[in-house]
Amino acid sequence: SAMLLPGLWQILVGLLGFSVVRSLPRNIVWVSAWYFACGAGVLMAAARVGQLQPWMMGVPLVLGQLMVAVIMNHAEKEIASE
């Protein structure tokens, strides 16, 4: 059952992102959708592979956090320029 944890974690992070969209920049929706889609994909891959693999957590986390950093940096620059 440990192979389900990365996918479930990613789906929960995606849902969390959808729930805070009112207090963060609107583009955070794309990151939330990324995590939700990756969570679903990882759950399907985990069911097929049958064991926990490092890429199941690493790839979605790195790309998702990179997207968050870019979005937040861009939003900060917009606020500073006003």
Protein backbone atom coordinates (compact mmCIF):
# COMPACT_ATOMS: atom_id res chain seq x y z
CA SER A 1 0.00 0.00 0.00
CA ALA A 2 3.03 2.33 0.22
CA MET A 3 2.99 2.64 -3.57
CA LEU A 4 -0.27 4.61 -3.30
CA LEU A 5 1.16 7.35 -1.07
CA PRO A 6 2.86 9.52 -3.72
CA GLY A 7 -0.25 9.61 -5.90
CA LEU A 8 -2.57 10.35 -2.99
CA TRP A 9 -0.22 13.06 -1.72
CA GLN A 10 -0.16 14.73 -5.14
CA ILE A 11 -3.95 14.64 -5.45
CA LEU A 12 -4.28 16.22 -1.99
CA VAL A 13 -1.78 18.96 -2.90
CA GLY A 14 -3.76 19.61 -6.07
CA LEU A 15 -6.98 19.94 -4.11
CA LEU A 16 -5.26 22.24 -1.63
CA GLY A 17 -4.13 24.46 -4.50
CA PHE A 18 -7.67 24.67 -5.82
CA SER A 19 -8.92 25.66 -2.37
CA VAL A 20 -6.49 28.59 -1.93
CA VAL A 21 -6.86 30.05 -5.41
CA ARG A 22 -8.60 33.14 -3.97
CA SER A 23 -5.60 34.18 -1.88
CA LEU A 24 -2.83 33.30 -4.36
CA PRO A 25 -2.27 34.36 -7.98
CA ARG A 26 -4.82 32.92 -10.41
CA ASN A 27 -2.15 30.96 -12.31
CA ILE A 28 -1.73 28.68 -9.31
CA VAL A 29 -4.69 26.78 -10.80
CA TRP A 30 -2.32 25.36 -13.43
CA VAL A 31 -0.02 24.01 -10.74
CA SER A 32 -2.98 22.50 -8.92
CA ALA A 33 -4.15 20.85 -12.13
CA TRP A 34 -0.58 19.57 -12.68
CA TYR A 35 -0.46 17.94 -9.25
CA PHE A 36 -3.96 16.48 -9.63
CA ALA A 37 -3.17 15.00 -13.06
CA CYS A 38 0.19 13.68 -11.89
CA GLY A 39 -1.45 12.11 -8.86
CA ALA A 40 -3.92 10.28 -11.06
CA GLY A 41 -1.14 9.21 -13.42
CA VAL A 42 1.07 8.04 -10.58
CA LEU A 43 -1.77 5.99 -9.09
CA MET A 44 -2.31 4.29 -12.44
CA ALA A 45 1.42 3.69 -12.90
CA ALA A 46 1.75 2.35 -9.35
CA ALA A 47 -1.05 -0.10 -9.99
CA ARG A 48 0.70 -1.31 -13.14
CA VAL A 49 4.24 -1.45 -11.70
CA GLY A 50 3.24 -2.82 -8.32
CA GLN A 51 6.01 -1.18 -6.31
CA LEU A 52 7.16 2.23 -5.15
CA GLN A 53 9.49 4.02 -7.60
CA PRO A 54 11.47 7.23 -6.84
CA TRP A 55 10.31 9.02 -9.99
CA MET A 56 6.70 8.76 -8.80
CA MET A 57 7.43 11.43 -6.21
CA GLY A 58 10.48 13.21 -7.57
CA VAL A 59 9.45 14.31 -11.05
CA PRO A 60 6.03 15.78 -10.19
CA LEU A 61 7.41 17.47 -7.07
CA VAL A 62 10.36 19.14 -8.82
CA LEU A 63 8.32 20.37 -11.77
CA GLY A 64 5.38 21.46 -9.60
CA GLN A 65 7.55 23.42 -7.18
CA LEU A 66 9.41 25.01 -10.08
CA MET A 67 6.08 26.17 -11.52
CA VAL A 68 5.05 27.60 -8.13
CA ALA A 69 8.35 29.49 -7.85
CA VAL A 70 7.98 31.00 -11.34
CA ILE A 71 4.36 32.02 -10.73
CA MET A 72 5.08 33.56 -7.33
CA ASN A 73 8.17 35.39 -8.65
CA HIS A 74 6.19 36.80 -11.57
CA ALA A 75 3.37 37.90 -9.26
CA GLU A 76 5.84 39.59 -6.91
CA LYS A 77 7.39 41.52 -9.80
CA GLU A 78 3.92 42.68 -10.94
CA ILE A 79 3.11 43.90 -7.43
CA ALA A 80 6.46 45.70 -7.09
CA SER A 81 6.03 47.48 -10.42
CA GLU A 82 2.65 48.96 -9.40
